[in-house]
Amino acid sequence: MSDRTQASIVVDAPAERVMAAIADFDNYPKWVATAKEVTVLERSADGRPARVRFVIDAGFLKDTYELVYTWEAGGRAVSWELAESTMQRSQHGSYELRSSVDGASTTVTYTLEVTVHIPMLGMLRRKAEKTITDTALKELKRHVEGSE
């Protein structure tokens, strides 16, 4: 979809470690500033989180929502869709990982599209998405590189 916001960052860690951090929802409240509570509600047959509840407080936006995750075979991508929310009508997102030639670093690309129940101009929505994607990538990089 053309209205999605996308950003990338290079993390100085192998893709496996980056994806492990992305999938470790239980620890999000320790390193994701807006995450007040994160609970894995369902797991897939392979043990990966399949449905996750988030309680977020971003100051201007407070929400409780659930996302359903699809993990790509090979561990290089994950996508999600909104299952339910108090503030959002929809959320589509993904992380895609691309390893450097030597495997020592990973380019992480985050794609996000969110629509909320309250009317919002497209320009303001994209600005909010950009803030979310940029912050999420910076927090992920800091967390992964700091946990070496």
C-alpha atoms as a PDB file:
ATOM      1  CA  MET A   1       0.000   0.000   0.000  1.00  0.00           C
ATOM      2  CA  SER A   2       1.395   3.370  -0.983  1.00  0.00           C
ATOM      3  CA  ASP A   3       0.300   5.137   2.217  1.00  0.00           C
ATOM      4  CA  ARG A   4       2.574   3.075   4.413  1.00  0.00           C
ATOM      5  CA  THR A   5       5.527   4.696   6.148  1.00  0.00           C
ATOM      6  CA  GLN A   6       8.898   2.972   5.875  1.00  0.00           C
ATOM      7  CA  ALA A   7      12.254   3.532   7.590  1.00  0.00           C
ATOM      8  CA  SER A   8      15.500   1.569   7.907  1.00  0.00           C
ATOM      9  CA  ILE A   9      18.457   1.412  10.268  1.00  0.00           C
ATOM     10  CA  VAL A  10      21.670  -0.612  10.441  1.00  0.00           C
ATOM     11  CA  VAL A  11      22.118  -2.604  13.653  1.00  0.00           C
ATOM     12  CA  ASP A  12      25.601  -3.848  14.498  1.00  0.00           C
ATOM     13  CA  ALA A  13      24.492  -7.411  15.233  1.00  0.00           C
ATOM     14  CA  PRO A  14      23.636 -10.562  13.275  1.00  0.00           C
ATOM     15  CA  ALA A  15      20.072 -10.863  11.971  1.00  0.00           C
ATOM     16  CA  GLU A  16      19.325 -13.772  14.317  1.00  0.00           C
ATOM     17  CA  ARG A  17      19.985 -11.594  17.366  1.00  0.00           C
ATOM     18  CA  VAL A  18      17.920  -8.726  15.958  1.00  0.00           C
ATOM     19  CA  MET A  19      14.952 -11.006  15.243  1.00  0.00           C
ATOM     20  CA  ALA A  20      15.262 -12.594  18.690  1.00  0.00           C
ATOM     21  CA  ALA A  21      14.891  -9.110  20.225  1.00  0.00           C
ATOM     22  CA  ILE A  22      11.892  -8.318  18.012  1.00  0.00           C
ATOM     23  CA  ALA A  23      10.202 -11.593  19.038  1.00  0.00           C
ATOM     24  CA  ASP A  24      10.921 -11.202  22.773  1.00  0.00           C
ATOM     25  CA  PHE A  25       7.712  -9.345  23.597  1.00  0.00           C
ATOM     26  CA  ASP A  26       7.921 -10.099  27.321  1.00  0.00           C
ATOM     27  CA  ASN A  27      10.909  -7.747  27.569  1.00  0.00           C
ATOM     28  CA  TYR A  28       9.485  -4.858  25.511  1.00  0.00           C
ATOM     29  CA  PRO A  29       8.485  -2.814  28.598  1.00  0.00           C
ATOM     30  CA  LYS A  30      12.177  -2.796  29.593  1.00  0.00           C
ATOM     31  CA  TRP A  31      13.372  -1.090  26.390  1.00  0.00           C
ATOM     32  CA  VAL A  32      10.348   0.267  24.487  1.00  0.00           C
ATOM     33  CA  ALA A  33       9.530   3.604  26.132  1.00  0.00           C
ATOM     34  CA  THR A  34       5.813   3.620  25.284  1.00  0.00           C
ATOM     35  CA  ALA A  35       5.151  -0.056  26.136  1.00  0.00           C
ATOM     36  CA  LYS A  36       3.672  -0.229  29.617  1.00  0.00           C
ATOM     37  CA  GLU A  37       2.516  -3.851  29.346  1.00  0.00           C
ATOM     38  CA  VAL A  38       3.001  -6.503  26.651  1.00  0.00           C
ATOM     39  CA  THR A  39       1.453  -9.964  26.902  1.00  0.00           C
ATOM     40  CA  VAL A  40       1.743 -12.888  24.513  1.00  0.00           C
ATOM     41  CA  LEU A  41      -1.812 -14.275  24.292  1.00  0.00           C
ATOM     42  CA  GLU A  42      -1.261 -17.082  21.769  1.00  0.00           C
ATOM     43  CA  ARG A  43       1.681 -18.922  20.287  1.00  0.00           C
ATOM     44  CA  SER A  44       1.913 -20.746  16.966  1.00  0.00           C
ATOM     45  CA  ALA A  45       2.803 -24.435  16.706  1.00  0.00           C
ATOM     46  CA  ASP A  46       6.507 -23.512  16.464  1.00  0.00           C
ATOM     47  CA  GLY A  47       6.312 -21.505  19.703  1.00  0.00           C
ATOM     48  CA  ARG A  48       6.513 -18.054  18.174  1.00  0.00           C
ATOM     49  CA  PRO A  49       4.129 -15.350  19.392  1.00  0.00           C
ATOM     50  CA  ALA A  50       0.988 -15.371  17.268  1.00  0.00           C
ATOM     51  CA  ARG A  51      -1.226 -12.858  19.108  1.00  0.00           C
ATOM     52  CA  VAL A  52       0.100 -10.166  21.435  1.00  0.00           C
ATOM     53  CA  ARG A  53      -1.641  -7.526  23.591  1.00  0.00           C
ATOM     54  CA  PHE A  54       0.015  -4.132  24.038  1.00  0.00           C
ATOM     55  CA  VAL A  55      -0.795  -1.393  26.529  1.00  0.00           C
ATOM     56  CA  ILE A  56       0.940   1.764  25.359  1.00  0.00           C
ATOM     57  CA  ASP A  57       1.200   5.275  26.713  1.00  0.00           C
ATOM     58  CA  ALA A  58       2.807   7.724  24.309  1.00  0.00           C
ATOM     59  CA  GLY A  59       1.540  10.775  26.179  1.00  0.00           C
ATOM     60  CA  PHE A  60      -0.734  12.062  23.425  1.00  0.00           C
ATOM     61  CA  LEU A  61      -1.879   8.518  22.627  1.00  0.00           C
ATOM     62  CA  LYS A  62      -2.895   5.802  25.031  1.00  0.00           C
ATOM     63  CA  ASP A  63      -4.160   2.517  23.635  1.00  0.00           C
ATOM     64  CA  THR A  64      -4.673  -1.137  24.389  1.00  0.00           C
ATOM     65  CA  TYR A  65      -4.533  -3.271  21.271  1.00  0.00           C
ATOM     66  CA  GLU A  66      -3.845  -6.787  20.002  1.00  0.00           C
ATOM     67  CA  LEU A  67      -1.765  -7.734  16.983  1.00  0.00           C
ATOM     68  CA  VAL A  68      -1.681 -11.017  15.067  1.00  0.00           C
ATOM     69  CA  TYR A  69       1.791 -11.964  13.804  1.00  0.00           C
ATOM     70  CA  THR A  70       2.984 -13.906  10.763  1.00  0.00           C
ATOM     71  CA  TRP A  71       6.615 -15.024  10.910  1.00  0.00           C
ATOM     72  CA  GLU A  72       8.401 -15.695   7.619  1.00  0.00           C
ATOM     73  CA  ALA A  73      10.287 -18.963   7.338  1.00  0.00           C
ATOM     74  CA  GLY A  74      14.007 -18.297   7.573  1.00  0.00           C
ATOM     75  CA  GLY A  75      13.653 -15.706  10.337  1.00  0.00           C
ATOM     76  CA  ARG A  76      14.218 -12.629   8.179  1.00  0.00           C
ATOM     77  CA  ALA A  77      10.766 -11.033   8.309  1.00  0.00           C
ATOM     78  CA  VAL A  78       7.670 -10.694  10.446  1.00  0.00           C
ATOM     79  CA  SER A  79       4.406  -8.915   9.682  1.00  0.00           C
ATOM     80  CA  TRP A  80       1.339  -8.125  11.724  1.00  0.00           C
ATOM     81  CA  GLU A  81      -2.263  -6.998  11.505  1.00  0.00           C
ATOM     82  CA  LEU A  82      -4.487  -5.352  14.087  1.00  0.00           C
ATOM     83  CA  ALA A  83      -6.951  -7.733  15.744  1.00  0.00           C
ATOM     84  CA  GLU A  84      -8.570  -5.245  18.132  1.00  0.00           C
ATOM     85  CA  SER A  85      -7.941  -1.826  19.630  1.00  0.00           C
ATOM     86  CA  THR A  86      -9.515   0.939  21.645  1.00  0.00           C
ATOM     87  CA  MET A  87      -8.078   3.726  19.422  1.00  0.00           C
ATOM     88  CA  GLN A  88      -7.067   2.190  16.085  1.00  0.00           C
ATOM     89  CA  ARG A  89      -9.171   1.059  13.142  1.00  0.00           C
ATOM     90  CA  SER A  90      -6.297  -0.741  11.454  1.00  0.00           C
ATOM     91  CA  GLN A  91      -2.587  -1.388  11.736  1.00  0.00           C
ATOM     92  CA  HIS A  92      -0.425  -3.174   9.200  1.00  0.00           C
ATOM     93  CA  GLY A  93       3.272  -3.482   9.822  1.00  0.00           C
ATOM     94  CA  SER A  94       6.410  -5.481   9.209  1.00  0.00           C
ATOM     95  CA  TYR A  95      10.076  -5.816   9.986  1.00  0.00           C
ATOM     96  CA  GLU A  96      12.380  -7.089   7.247  1.00  0.00           C
ATOM     97  CA  LEU A  97      16.003  -7.948   7.985  1.00  0.00           C
ATOM     98  CA  ARG A  98      18.876  -7.977   5.505  1.00  0.00           C
ATOM     99  CA  SER A  99      22.300  -9.184   6.643  1.00  0.00           C
ATOM    100  CA  SER A 100      25.528  -7.516   5.579  1.00  0.00           C
ATOM    101  CA  VAL A 101      27.901  -9.554   3.421  1.00  0.00           C
ATOM    102  CA  ASP A 102      29.903 -10.658   6.477  1.00  0.00           C
ATOM    103  CA  GLY A 103      26.768 -11.154   8.630  1.00  0.00           C
ATOM    104  CA  ALA A 104      28.071  -8.847  11.347  1.00  0.00           C
ATOM    105  CA  SER A 105      25.395  -6.185  10.847  1.00  0.00           C
ATOM    106  CA  THR A 106      21.765  -6.124   9.797  1.00  0.00           C
ATOM    107  CA  THR A 107      19.681  -3.573   7.944  1.00  0.00           C
ATOM    108  CA  VAL A 108      16.251  -3.484   9.583  1.00  0.00           C
ATOM    109  CA  THR A 109      13.380  -2.040   7.554  1.00  0.00           C
ATOM    110  CA  TYR A 110      10.177  -1.185   9.442  1.00  0.00           C
ATOM    111  CA  THR A 111       6.983  -0.567   7.478  1.00  0.00           C
ATOM    112  CA  LEU A 112       3.863   0.737   9.206  1.00  0.00           C
ATOM    113  CA  GLU A 113       0.369   1.921   8.356  1.00  0.00           C
ATOM    114  CA  VAL A 114      -2.034   2.933  11.121  1.00  0.00           C
ATOM    115  CA  THR A 115      -5.521   4.403  10.948  1.00  0.00           C
ATOM    116  CA  VAL A 116      -7.245   5.634  14.073  1.00  0.00           C
ATOM    117  CA  HIS A 117     -10.902   6.079  14.940  1.00  0.00           C
ATOM    118  CA  ILE A 118     -10.610   9.854  15.169  1.00  0.00           C
ATOM    119  CA  PRO A 119     -10.369  11.722  11.853  1.00  0.00           C
ATOM    120  CA  MET A 120      -6.772  12.633  11.018  1.00  0.00           C
ATOM    121  CA  LEU A 121      -5.296  14.298   7.961  1.00  0.00           C
ATOM    122  CA  GLY A 122      -3.107  11.971   5.905  1.00  0.00           C
ATOM    123  CA  MET A 123      -0.105  14.253   6.388  1.00  0.00           C
ATOM    124  CA  LEU A 124      -0.476  14.143  10.201  1.00  0.00           C
ATOM    125  CA  ARG A 125      -0.990  10.366  10.160  1.00  0.00           C
ATOM    126  CA  ARG A 126       2.185   9.842   8.129  1.00  0.00           C
ATOM    127  CA  LYS A 127       4.111  12.175  10.457  1.00  0.00           C
ATOM    128  CA  ALA A 128       2.930  10.135  13.466  1.00  0.00           C
ATOM    129  CA  GLU A 129       3.866   6.892  11.672  1.00  0.00           C
ATOM    130  CA  LYS A 130       7.313   8.322  10.876  1.00  0.00           C
ATOM    131  CA  THR A 131       7.849   9.225  14.519  1.00  0.00           C
ATOM    132  CA  ILE A 132       6.758   5.717  15.581  1.00  0.00           C
ATOM    133  CA  THR A 133       8.978   3.936  13.033  1.00  0.00           C
ATOM    134  CA  ASP A 134      12.036   6.113  13.715  1.00  0.00           C
ATOM    135  CA  THR A 135      11.685   5.734  17.489  1.00  0.00           C
ATOM    136  CA  ALA A 136      11.087   1.975  17.269  1.00  0.00           C
ATOM    137  CA  LEU A 137      14.169   1.461  15.107  1.00  0.00           C
ATOM    138  CA  LYS A 138      16.398   3.589  17.352  1.00  0.00           C
ATOM    139  CA  GLU A 139      15.169   1.753  20.473  1.00  0.00           C
ATOM    140  CA  LEU A 140      15.700  -1.633  18.784  1.00  0.00           C
ATOM    141  CA  LYS A 141      19.248  -0.666  17.736  1.00  0.00           C
ATOM    142  CA  ARG A 142      20.106   0.618  21.223  1.00  0.00           C
ATOM    143  CA  HIS A 143      18.651  -2.509  22.861  1.00  0.00           C
ATOM    144  CA  VAL A 144      20.333  -5.045  20.575  1.00  0.00           C
ATOM    145  CA  GLU A 145      23.715  -3.334  20.452  1.00  0.00           C
ATOM    146  CA  GLY A 146      23.646  -2.728  24.200  1.00  0.00           C
ATOM    147  CA  SER A 147      22.911  -6.372  25.020  1.00  0.00           C
ATOM    148  CA  GLU A 148      26.071  -7.748  23.391  1.00  0.00           C
END
